[in-house]
Amino acid sequence: MNVDKETIWLGVGFLGQALFSARFLVQWIKSEKEKKSVFPIAFWYFSIGGGVTLLAYAVYRQDPVFILGQASGLLIYFRNLYFVVYERRQLKA
């Protein structure tokens, strides 16, 4: 089996998109269970995982629009995850 570089990077791109899309499935299931719109912590982990993977793919493709979009999104996802972790620590204290 001979897999070339382009095929591997295409796989990375699809993996990133799958991780990024999975966040919506996680959020939908959690919201249905609680009968209100909620964002479980897994939403932010999938956002970060998908964002990092898609950013790597964008850098490989040398697409400045895609790079800017993914990089700025990652800042937001990490910040939101910080808020979730900080709030949980405050509730435990």
PDB file of N, CA and C in Angstrom:
ATOM      1  N   MET A   1       0.848  -1.179   0.000  1.00  0.00           N
ATOM      2  CA  MET A   1       0.000   0.000   0.000  1.00  0.00           C
ATOM      3  C   MET A   1       0.890   1.237   0.000  1.00  0.00           C
ATOM      4  N   ASN A   2       0.757   2.039  -1.014  1.00  0.00           N
ATOM      5  CA  ASN A   2       1.565   3.233  -1.157  1.00  0.00           C
ATOM      6  C   ASN A   2       0.676   4.464  -1.032  1.00  0.00           C
ATOM      7  N   VAL A   3       0.819   5.168   0.078  1.00  0.00           N
ATOM      8  CA  VAL A   3       0.018   6.371   0.318  1.00  0.00           C
ATOM      9  C   VAL A   3       0.922   7.577   0.144  1.00  0.00           C
ATOM     10  N   ASP A   4       0.531   8.505  -0.715  1.00  0.00           N
ATOM     11  CA  ASP A   4       1.363   9.678  -0.950  1.00  0.00           C
ATOM     12  C   ASP A   4       1.035  10.796   0.052  1.00  0.00           C
ATOM     13  N   LYS A   5       1.857  11.814   0.045  1.00  0.00           N
ATOM     14  CA  LYS A   5       1.756  12.941   0.967  1.00  0.00           C
ATOM     15  C   LYS A   5       0.396  13.642   0.854  1.00  0.00           C
ATOM     16  N   GLU A   6      -0.069  13.839  -0.341  1.00  0.00           N
ATOM     17  CA  GLU A   6      -1.355  14.518  -0.551  1.00  0.00           C
ATOM     18  C   GLU A   6      -2.513  13.735   0.070  1.00  0.00           C
ATOM     19  N   THR A   7      -2.486  12.435  -0.056  1.00  0.00           N
ATOM     20  CA  THR A   7      -3.542  11.596   0.511  1.00  0.00           C
ATOM     21  C   THR A   7      -3.538  11.684   2.034  1.00  0.00           C
ATOM     22  N   ILE A   8      -2.352  11.693   2.628  1.00  0.00           N
ATOM     23  CA  ILE A   8      -2.249  11.814   4.083  1.00  0.00           C
ATOM     24  C   ILE A   8      -2.823  13.154   4.536  1.00  0.00           C
ATOM     25  N   TRP A   9      -2.455  14.236   3.869  1.00  0.00           N
ATOM     26  CA  TRP A   9      -2.960  15.549   4.258  1.00  0.00           C
ATOM     27  C   TRP A   9      -4.458  15.684   4.015  1.00  0.00           C
ATOM     28  N   LEU A  10      -4.950  15.032   2.990  1.00  0.00           N
ATOM     29  CA  LEU A  10      -6.390  15.024   2.766  1.00  0.00           C
ATOM     30  C   LEU A  10      -7.088  14.319   3.933  1.00  0.00           C
ATOM     31  N   GLY A  11      -6.488  13.227   4.404  1.00  0.00           N
ATOM     32  CA  GLY A  11      -7.012  12.525   5.579  1.00  0.00           C
ATOM     33  C   GLY A  11      -6.994  13.408   6.819  1.00  0.00           C
ATOM     34  N   VAL A  12      -5.916  14.173   6.992  1.00  0.00           N
ATOM     35  CA  VAL A  12      -5.825  15.105   8.121  1.00  0.00           C
ATOM     36  C   VAL A  12      -6.948  16.138   8.034  1.00  0.00           C
ATOM     37  N   GLY A  13      -7.186  16.653   6.848  1.00  0.00           N
ATOM     38  CA  GLY A  13      -8.265  17.627   6.656  1.00  0.00           C
ATOM     39  C   GLY A  13      -9.634  17.050   6.990  1.00  0.00           C
ATOM     40  N   PHE A  14      -9.888  15.845   6.518  1.00  0.00           N
ATOM     41  CA  PHE A  14     -11.171  15.203   6.821  1.00  0.00           C
ATOM     42  C   PHE A  14     -11.300  14.872   8.308  1.00  0.00           C
ATOM     43  N   LEU A  15     -10.214  14.458   8.947  1.00  0.00           N
ATOM     44  CA  LEU A  15     -10.238  14.198  10.387  1.00  0.00           C
ATOM     45  C   LEU A  15     -10.571  15.471  11.153  1.00  0.00           C
ATOM     46  N   GLY A  16      -9.924  16.562  10.791  1.00  0.00           N
ATOM     47  CA  GLY A  16     -10.210  17.845  11.431  1.00  0.00           C
ATOM     48  C   GLY A  16     -11.652  18.247  11.265  1.00  0.00           C
ATOM     49  N   GLN A  17     -12.182  18.072  10.079  1.00  0.00           N
ATOM     50  CA  GLN A  17     -13.580  18.426   9.834  1.00  0.00           C
ATOM     51  C   GLN A  17     -14.515  17.522  10.631  1.00  0.00           C
ATOM     52  N   ALA A  18     -14.176  16.246  10.751  1.00  0.00           N
ATOM     53  CA  ALA A  18     -15.001  15.320  11.537  1.00  0.00           C
ATOM     54  C   ALA A  18     -15.005  15.713  13.008  1.00  0.00           C
ATOM     55  N   LEU A  19     -13.834  16.039  13.560  1.00  0.00           N
ATOM     56  CA  LEU A  19     -13.761  16.476  14.954  1.00  0.00           C
ATOM     57  C   LEU A  19     -14.558  17.764  15.157  1.00  0.00           C
ATOM     58  N   PHE A  20     -14.383  18.690  14.244  1.00  0.00           N
ATOM     59  CA  PHE A  20     -15.070  19.967  14.338  1.00  0.00           C
ATOM     60  C   PHE A  20     -16.586  19.779  14.246  1.00  0.00           C
ATOM     61  N   SER A  21     -17.039  18.900  13.376  1.00  0.00           N
ATOM     62  CA  SER A  21     -18.470  18.638  13.232  1.00  0.00           C
ATOM     63  C   SER A  21     -19.037  17.874  14.426  1.00  0.00           C
ATOM     64  N   ALA A  22     -18.221  17.035  15.052  1.00  0.00           N
ATOM     65  CA  ALA A  22     -18.686  16.242  16.191  1.00  0.00           C
ATOM     66  C   ALA A  22     -19.122  17.130  17.350  1.00  0.00           C
ATOM     67  N   ARG A  23     -18.565  18.331  17.439  1.00  0.00           N
ATOM     68  CA  ARG A  23     -18.943  19.232  18.530  1.00  0.00           C
ATOM     69  C   ARG A  23     -20.423  19.579  18.474  1.00  0.00           C
ATOM     70  N   PHE A  24     -20.957  19.696  17.273  1.00  0.00           N
ATOM     71  CA  PHE A  24     -22.381  20.019  17.152  1.00  0.00           C
ATOM     72  C   PHE A  24     -23.259  18.850  17.575  1.00  0.00           C
ATOM     73  N   LEU A  25     -22.816  17.649  17.268  1.00  0.00           N
ATOM     74  CA  LEU A  25     -23.552  16.460  17.695  1.00  0.00           C
ATOM     75  C   LEU A  25     -23.566  16.363  19.225  1.00  0.00           C
ATOM     76  N   VAL A  26     -22.420  16.590  19.857  1.00  0.00           N
ATOM     77  CA  VAL A  26     -22.317  16.560  21.313  1.00  0.00           C
ATOM     78  C   VAL A  26     -23.223  17.633  21.931  1.00  0.00           C
ATOM     79  N   GLN A  27     -23.192  18.821  21.370  1.00  0.00           N
ATOM     80  CA  GLN A  27     -24.005  19.921  21.899  1.00  0.00           C
ATOM     81  C   GLN A  27     -25.493  19.631  21.724  1.00  0.00           C
ATOM     82  N   TRP A  28     -25.868  19.084  20.599  1.00  0.00           N
ATOM     83  CA  TRP A  28     -27.273  18.770  20.321  1.00  0.00           C
ATOM     84  C   TRP A  28     -27.791  17.712  21.298  1.00  0.00           C
ATOM     85  N   ILE A  29     -27.032  16.645  21.503  1.00  0.00           N
ATOM     86  CA  ILE A  29     -27.454  15.575  22.405  1.00  0.00           C
ATOM     87  C   ILE A  29     -27.613  16.110  23.829  1.00  0.00           C
ATOM     88  N   LYS A  30     -26.635  16.883  24.288  1.00  0.00           N
ATOM     89  CA  LYS A  30     -26.699  17.450  25.648  1.00  0.00           C
ATOM     90  C   LYS A  30     -27.881  18.398  25.790  1.00  0.00           C
ATOM     91  N   SER A  31     -28.124  19.219  24.795  1.00  0.00           N
ATOM     92  CA  SER A  31     -29.246  20.157  24.841  1.00  0.00           C
ATOM     93  C   SER A  31     -30.588  19.422  24.844  1.00  0.00           C
ATOM     94  N   GLU A  32     -30.683  18.352  24.076  1.00  0.00           N
ATOM     95  CA  GLU A  32     -31.916  17.561  24.064  1.00  0.00           C
ATOM     96  C   GLU A  32     -32.177  16.941  25.436  1.00  0.00           C
ATOM     97  N   LYS A  33     -31.133  16.456  26.086  1.00  0.00           N
ATOM     98  CA  LYS A  33     -31.287  15.849  27.413  1.00  0.00           C
ATOM     99  C   LYS A  33     -31.744  16.872  28.445  1.00  0.00           C
ATOM    100  N   GLU A  34     -31.206  18.092  28.344  1.00  0.00           N
ATOM    101  CA  GLU A  34     -31.531  19.124  29.335  1.00  0.00           C
ATOM    102  C   GLU A  34     -32.709  20.004  28.925  1.00  0.00           C
ATOM    103  N   LYS A  35     -33.205  19.821  27.725  1.00  0.00           N
ATOM    104  CA  LYS A  35     -34.341  20.581  27.207  1.00  0.00           C
ATOM    105  C   LYS A  35     -34.069  22.091  27.184  1.00  0.00           C
ATOM    106  N   LYS A  36     -32.802  22.437  26.962  1.00  0.00           N
ATOM    107  CA  LYS A  36     -32.387  23.831  26.792  1.00  0.00           C
ATOM    108  C   LYS A  36     -31.035  23.833  26.084  1.00  0.00           C
ATOM    109  N   SER A  37     -30.664  24.980  25.559  1.00  0.00           N
ATOM    110  CA  SER A  37     -29.393  25.072  24.842  1.00  0.00           C
ATOM    111  C   SER A  37     -28.242  25.137  25.836  1.00  0.00           C
ATOM    112  N   VAL A  38     -27.353  24.137  25.776  1.00  0.00           N
ATOM    113  CA  VAL A  38     -26.178  24.086  26.638  1.00  0.00           C
ATOM    114  C   VAL A  38     -24.951  23.702  25.821  1.00  0.00           C
ATOM    115  N   PHE A  39     -23.795  24.062  26.348  1.00  0.00           N
ATOM    116  CA  PHE A  39     -22.533  23.718  25.703  1.00  0.00           C
ATOM    117  C   PHE A  39     -21.700  22.913  26.693  1.00  0.00           C
ATOM    118  N   PRO A  40     -21.690  21.591  26.539  1.00  0.00           N
ATOM    119  CA  PRO A  40     -20.877  20.773  27.446  1.00  0.00           C
ATOM    120  C   PRO A  40     -19.393  21.009  27.191  1.00  0.00           C
ATOM    121  N   ILE A  41     -18.575  20.686  28.161  1.00  0.00           N
ATOM    122  CA  ILE A  41     -17.132  20.903  28.037  1.00  0.00           C
ATOM    123  C   ILE A  41     -16.556  20.149  26.831  1.00  0.00           C
ATOM    124  N   ALA A  42     -17.153  19.019  26.485  1.00  0.00           N
ATOM    125  CA  ALA A  42     -16.690  18.261  25.313  1.00  0.00           C
ATOM    126  C   ALA A  42     -16.808  19.086  24.038  1.00  0.00           C
ATOM    127  N   PHE A  43     -17.782  19.994  23.980  1.00  0.00           N
ATOM    128  CA  PHE A  43     -17.946  20.877  22.823  1.00  0.00           C
ATOM    129  C   PHE A  43     -16.657  21.660  22.579  1.00  0.00           C
ATOM    130  N   TRP A  44     -16.071  22.188  23.665  1.00  0.00           N
ATOM    131  CA  TRP A  44     -14.860  22.996  23.521  1.00  0.00           C
ATOM    132  C   TRP A  44     -13.651  22.138  23.192  1.00  0.00           C
ATOM    133  N   TYR A  45     -13.588  20.923  23.738  1.00  0.00           N
ATOM    134  CA  TYR A  45     -12.478  20.029  23.392  1.00  0.00           C
ATOM    135  C   TYR A  45     -12.539  19.608  21.919  1.00  0.00           C
ATOM    136  N   PHE A  46     -13.730  19.315  21.427  1.00  0.00           N
ATOM    137  CA  PHE A  46     -13.864  18.985  19.999  1.00  0.00           C
ATOM    138  C   PHE A  46     -13.549  20.208  19.135  1.00  0.00           C
ATOM    139  N   SER A  47     -13.948  21.391  19.586  1.00  0.00           N
ATOM    140  CA  SER A  47     -13.639  22.620  18.853  1.00  0.00           C
ATOM    141  C   SER A  47     -12.132  22.806  18.732  1.00  0.00           C
ATOM    142  N   ILE A  48     -11.428  22.605  19.845  1.00  0.00           N
ATOM    143  CA  ILE A  48      -9.973  22.766  19.845  1.00  0.00           C
ATOM    144  C   ILE A  48      -9.303  21.677  19.002  1.00  0.00           C
ATOM    145  N   GLY A  49      -9.723  20.431  19.180  1.00  0.00           N
ATOM    146  CA  GLY A  49      -9.144  19.339  18.396  1.00  0.00           C
ATOM    147  C   GLY A  49      -9.347  19.535  16.904  1.00  0.00           C
ATOM    148  N   GLY A  50     -10.562  19.878  16.530  1.00  0.00           N
ATOM    149  CA  GLY A  50     -10.848  20.129  15.116  1.00  0.00           C
ATOM    150  C   GLY A  50     -10.130  21.354  14.605  1.00  0.00           C
ATOM    151  N   GLY A  51     -10.093  22.415  15.433  1.00  0.00           N
ATOM    152  CA  GLY A  51      -9.434  23.649  15.028  1.00  0.00           C
ATOM    153  C   GLY A  51      -7.942  23.478  14.813  1.00  0.00           C
ATOM    154  N   VAL A  52      -7.287  22.770  15.719  1.00  0.00           N
ATOM    155  CA  VAL A  52      -5.843  22.534  15.577  1.00  0.00           C
ATOM    156  C   VAL A  52      -5.557  21.692  14.334  1.00  0.00           C
ATOM    157  N   THR A  53      -6.350  20.660  14.136  1.00  0.00           N
ATOM    158  CA  THR A  53      -6.141  19.787  12.979  1.00  0.00           C
ATOM    159  C   THR A  53      -6.400  20.535  11.676  1.00  0.00           C
ATOM    160  N   LEU A  54      -7.480  21.313  11.646  1.00  0.00           N
ATOM    161  CA  LEU A  54      -7.768  22.090  10.433  1.00  0.00           C
ATOM    162  C   LEU A  54      -6.746  23.198  10.217  1.00  0.00           C
ATOM    163  N   LEU A  55      -6.223  23.775  11.294  1.00  0.00           N
ATOM    164  CA  LEU A  55      -5.172  24.780  11.142  1.00  0.00           C
ATOM    165  C   LEU A  55      -3.919  24.157  10.523  1.00  0.00           C
ATOM    166  N   ALA A  56      -3.555  22.961  10.979  1.00  0.00           N
ATOM    167  CA  ALA A  56      -2.401  22.268  10.384  1.00  0.00           C
ATOM    168  C   ALA A  56      -2.632  22.032   8.893  1.00  0.00           C
ATOM    169  N   TYR A  57      -3.834  21.617   8.559  1.00  0.00           N
ATOM    170  CA  TYR A  57      -4.178  21.383   7.153  1.00  0.00           C
ATOM    171  C   TYR A  57      -4.119  22.696   6.362  1.00  0.00           C
ATOM    172  N   ALA A  58      -4.616  23.785   6.945  1.00  0.00           N
ATOM    173  CA  ALA A  58      -4.604  25.087   6.272  1.00  0.00           C
ATOM    174  C   ALA A  58      -3.181  25.585   6.049  1.00  0.00           C
ATOM    175  N   VAL A  59      -2.318  25.362   7.046  1.00  0.00           N
ATOM    176  CA  VAL A  59      -0.915  25.760   6.902  1.00  0.00           C
ATOM    177  C   VAL A  59      -0.264  24.949   5.786  1.00  0.00           C
ATOM    178  N   TYR A  60      -0.544  23.655   5.751  1.00  0.00           N
ATOM    179  CA  TYR A  60      -0.005  22.820   4.677  1.00  0.00           C
ATOM    180  C   TYR A  60      -0.472  23.327   3.315  1.00  0.00           C
ATOM    181  N   ARG A  61      -1.732  23.701   3.238  1.00  0.00           N
ATOM    182  CA  ARG A  61      -2.294  24.197   1.974  1.00  0.00           C
ATOM    183  C   ARG A  61      -1.870  25.633   1.672  1.00  0.00           C
ATOM    184  N   GLN A  62      -1.269  26.292   2.656  1.00  0.00           N
ATOM    185  CA  GLN A  62      -0.834  27.684   2.534  1.00  0.00           C
ATOM    186  C   GLN A  62      -1.991  28.602   2.139  1.00  0.00           C
ATOM    187  N   ASP A  63      -3.106  28.431   2.841  1.00  0.00           N
ATOM    188  CA  ASP A  63      -4.310  29.213   2.580  1.00  0.00           C
ATOM    189  C   ASP A  63      -4.467  30.255   3.688  1.00  0.00           C
ATOM    190  N   PRO A  64      -4.107  31.525   3.411  1.00  0.00           N
ATOM    191  CA  PRO A  64      -4.128  32.544   4.462  1.00  0.00           C
ATOM    192  C   PRO A  64      -5.520  32.818   5.039  1.00  0.00           C
ATOM    193  N   VAL A  65      -6.540  32.714   4.231  1.00  0.00           N
ATOM    194  CA  VAL A  65      -7.906  32.934   4.724  1.00  0.00           C
ATOM    195  C   VAL A  65      -8.287  31.831   5.714  1.00  0.00           C
ATOM    196  N   PHE A  66      -8.034  30.605   5.354  1.00  0.00           N
ATOM    197  CA  PHE A  66      -8.321  29.443   6.187  1.00  0.00           C
ATOM    198  C   PHE A  66      -7.465  29.475   7.467  1.00  0.00           C
ATOM    199  N   ILE A  67      -6.189  29.862   7.340  1.00  0.00           N
ATOM    200  CA  ILE A  67      -5.289  29.955   8.496  1.00  0.00           C
ATOM    201  C   ILE A  67      -5.810  30.993   9.488  1.00  0.00           C
ATOM    202  N   LEU A  68      -6.156  32.168   9.001  1.00  0.00           N
ATOM    203  CA  LEU A  68      -6.665  33.236   9.875  1.00  0.00           C
ATOM    204  C   LEU A  68      -7.952  32.813  10.573  1.00  0.00           C
ATOM    205  N   GLY A  69      -8.842  32.191   9.836  1.00  0.00           N
ATOM    206  CA  GLY A  69     -10.109  31.745  10.418  1.00  0.00           C
ATOM    207  C   GLY A  69      -9.917  30.709  11.510  1.00  0.00           C
ATOM    208  N   GLN A  70      -9.082  29.721  11.267  1.00  0.00           N
ATOM    209  CA  GLN A  70      -8.863  28.664  12.265  1.00  0.00           C
ATOM    210  C   GLN A  70      -8.072  29.184  13.462  1.00  0.00           C
ATOM    211  N   ALA A  71      -7.061  30.014  13.220  1.00  0.00           N
ATOM    212  CA  ALA A  71      -6.246  30.538  14.322  1.00  0.00           C
ATOM    213  C   ALA A  71      -7.075  31.429  15.240  1.00  0.00           C
ATOM    214  N   SER A  72      -7.894  32.294  14.669  1.00  0.00           N
ATOM    215  CA  SER A  72      -8.712  33.172  15.509  1.00  0.00           C
ATOM    216  C   SER A  72      -9.778  32.367  16.251  1.00  0.00           C
ATOM    217  N   GLY A  73     -10.330  31.360  15.612  1.00  0.00           N
ATOM    218  CA  GLY A  73     -11.303  30.499  16.281  1.00  0.00           C
ATOM    219  C   GLY A  73     -10.685  29.786  17.467  1.00  0.00           C
ATOM    220  N   LEU A  74      -9.449  29.323  17.315  1.00  0.00           N
ATOM    221  CA  LEU A  74      -8.778  28.621  18.417  1.00  0.00           C
ATOM    222  C   LEU A  74      -8.614  29.512  19.640  1.00  0.00           C
ATOM    223  N   LEU A  75      -8.320  30.782  19.429  1.00  0.00           N
ATOM    224  CA  LEU A  75      -8.217  31.701  20.569  1.00  0.00           C
ATOM    225  C   LEU A  75      -9.530  31.735  21.351  1.00  0.00           C
ATOM    226  N   ILE A  76     -10.625  31.793  20.639  1.00  0.00           N
ATOM    227  CA  ILE A  76     -11.949  31.841  21.264  1.00  0.00           C
ATOM    228  C   ILE A  76     -12.250  30.533  21.991  1.00  0.00           C
ATOM    229  N   TYR A  77     -11.945  29.394  21.363  1.00  0.00           N
ATOM    230  CA  TYR A  77     -12.230  28.098  21.988  1.00  0.00           C
ATOM    231  C   TYR A  77     -11.423  27.918  23.270  1.00  0.00           C
ATOM    232  N   PHE A  78     -10.136  28.278  23.243  1.00  0.00           N
ATOM    233  CA  PHE A  78      -9.318  28.167  24.445  1.00  0.00           C
ATOM    234  C   PHE A  78      -9.817  29.111  25.539  1.00  0.00           C
ATOM    235  N   ARG A  79     -10.217  30.291  25.162  1.00  0.00           N
ATOM    236  CA  ARG A  79     -10.730  31.253  26.147  1.00  0.00           C
ATOM    237  C   ARG A  79     -12.019  30.723  26.778  1.00  0.00           C
ATOM    238  N   ASN A  80     -12.917  30.193  25.991  1.00  0.00           N
ATOM    239  CA  ASN A  80     -14.155  29.641  26.536  1.00  0.00           C
ATOM    240  C   ASN A  80     -13.880  28.438  27.434  1.00  0.00           C
ATOM    241  N   LEU A  81     -12.938  27.589  27.045  1.00  0.00           N
ATOM    242  CA  LEU A  81     -12.574  26.460  27.892  1.00  0.00           C
ATOM    243  C   LEU A  81     -11.997  26.958  29.217  1.00  0.00           C
ATOM    244  N   TYR A  82     -11.195  28.009  29.168  1.00  0.00           N
ATOM    245  CA  TYR A  82     -10.676  28.615  30.399  1.00  0.00           C
ATOM    246  C   TYR A  82     -11.825  29.051  31.306  1.00  0.00           C
ATOM    247  N   PHE A  83     -12.835  29.719  30.746  1.00  0.00           N
ATOM    248  CA  PHE A  83     -13.973  30.158  31.548  1.00  0.00           C
ATOM    249  C   PHE A  83     -14.695  28.983  32.199  1.00  0.00           C
ATOM    250  N   VAL A  84     -14.872  27.901  31.473  1.00  0.00           N
ATOM    251  CA  VAL A  84     -15.549  26.722  32.007  1.00  0.00           C
ATOM    252  C   VAL A  84     -14.741  26.133  33.165  1.00  0.00           C
ATOM    253  N   VAL A  85     -13.439  25.968  32.966  1.00  0.00           N
ATOM    254  CA  VAL A  85     -12.582  25.393  34.001  1.00  0.00           C
ATOM    255  C   VAL A  85     -12.529  26.316  35.220  1.00  0.00           C
ATOM    256  N   TYR A  86     -12.394  27.612  34.989  1.00  0.00           N
ATOM    257  CA  TYR A  86     -12.343  28.586  36.077  1.00  0.00           C
ATOM    258  C   TYR A  86     -13.640  28.569  36.888  1.00  0.00           C
ATOM    259  N   GLU A  87     -14.774  28.524  36.205  1.00  0.00           N
ATOM    260  CA  GLU A  87     -16.074  28.486  36.888  1.00  0.00           C
ATOM    261  C   GLU A  87     -16.210  27.217  37.740  1.00  0.00           C
ATOM    262  N   ARG A  88     -15.790  26.099  37.216  1.00  0.00           N
ATOM    263  CA  ARG A  88     -15.869  24.840  37.970  1.00  0.00           C
ATOM    264  C   ARG A  88     -14.984  24.883  39.213  1.00  0.00           C
ATOM    265  N   ARG A  89     -13.815  25.497  39.087  1.00  0.00           N
ATOM    266  CA  ARG A  89     -12.930  25.620  40.256  1.00  0.00           C
ATOM    267  C   ARG A  89     -13.556  26.535  41.312  1.00  0.00           C
ATOM    268  N   GLN A  90     -14.216  27.584  40.861  1.00  0.00           N
ATOM    269  CA  GLN A  90     -14.862  28.514  41.793  1.00  0.00           C
ATOM    270  C   GLN A  90     -16.016  27.829  42.531  1.00  0.00           C
ATOM    271  N   LEU A  91     -16.745  26.992  41.835  1.00  0.00           N
ATOM    272  CA  LEU A  91     -17.861  26.290  42.461  1.00  0.00           C
ATOM    273  C   LEU A  91     -17.382  25.267  43.480  1.00  0.00           C
ATOM    274  N   LYS A  92     -16.211  24.675  43.245  1.00  0.00           N
ATOM    275  CA  LYS A  92     -15.653  23.704  44.191  1.00  0.00           C
ATOM    276  C   LYS A  92     -15.107  24.366  45.436  1.00  0.00           C
ATOM    277  N   ALA A  93     -14.668  25.626  45.301  1.00  0.00           N
ATOM    278  CA  ALA A  93     -14.050  26.332  46.436  1.00  0.00           C
ATOM    279  C   ALA A  93     -15.073  26.804  47.460  1.00  0.00           C
TER     280      ALA A  93
END
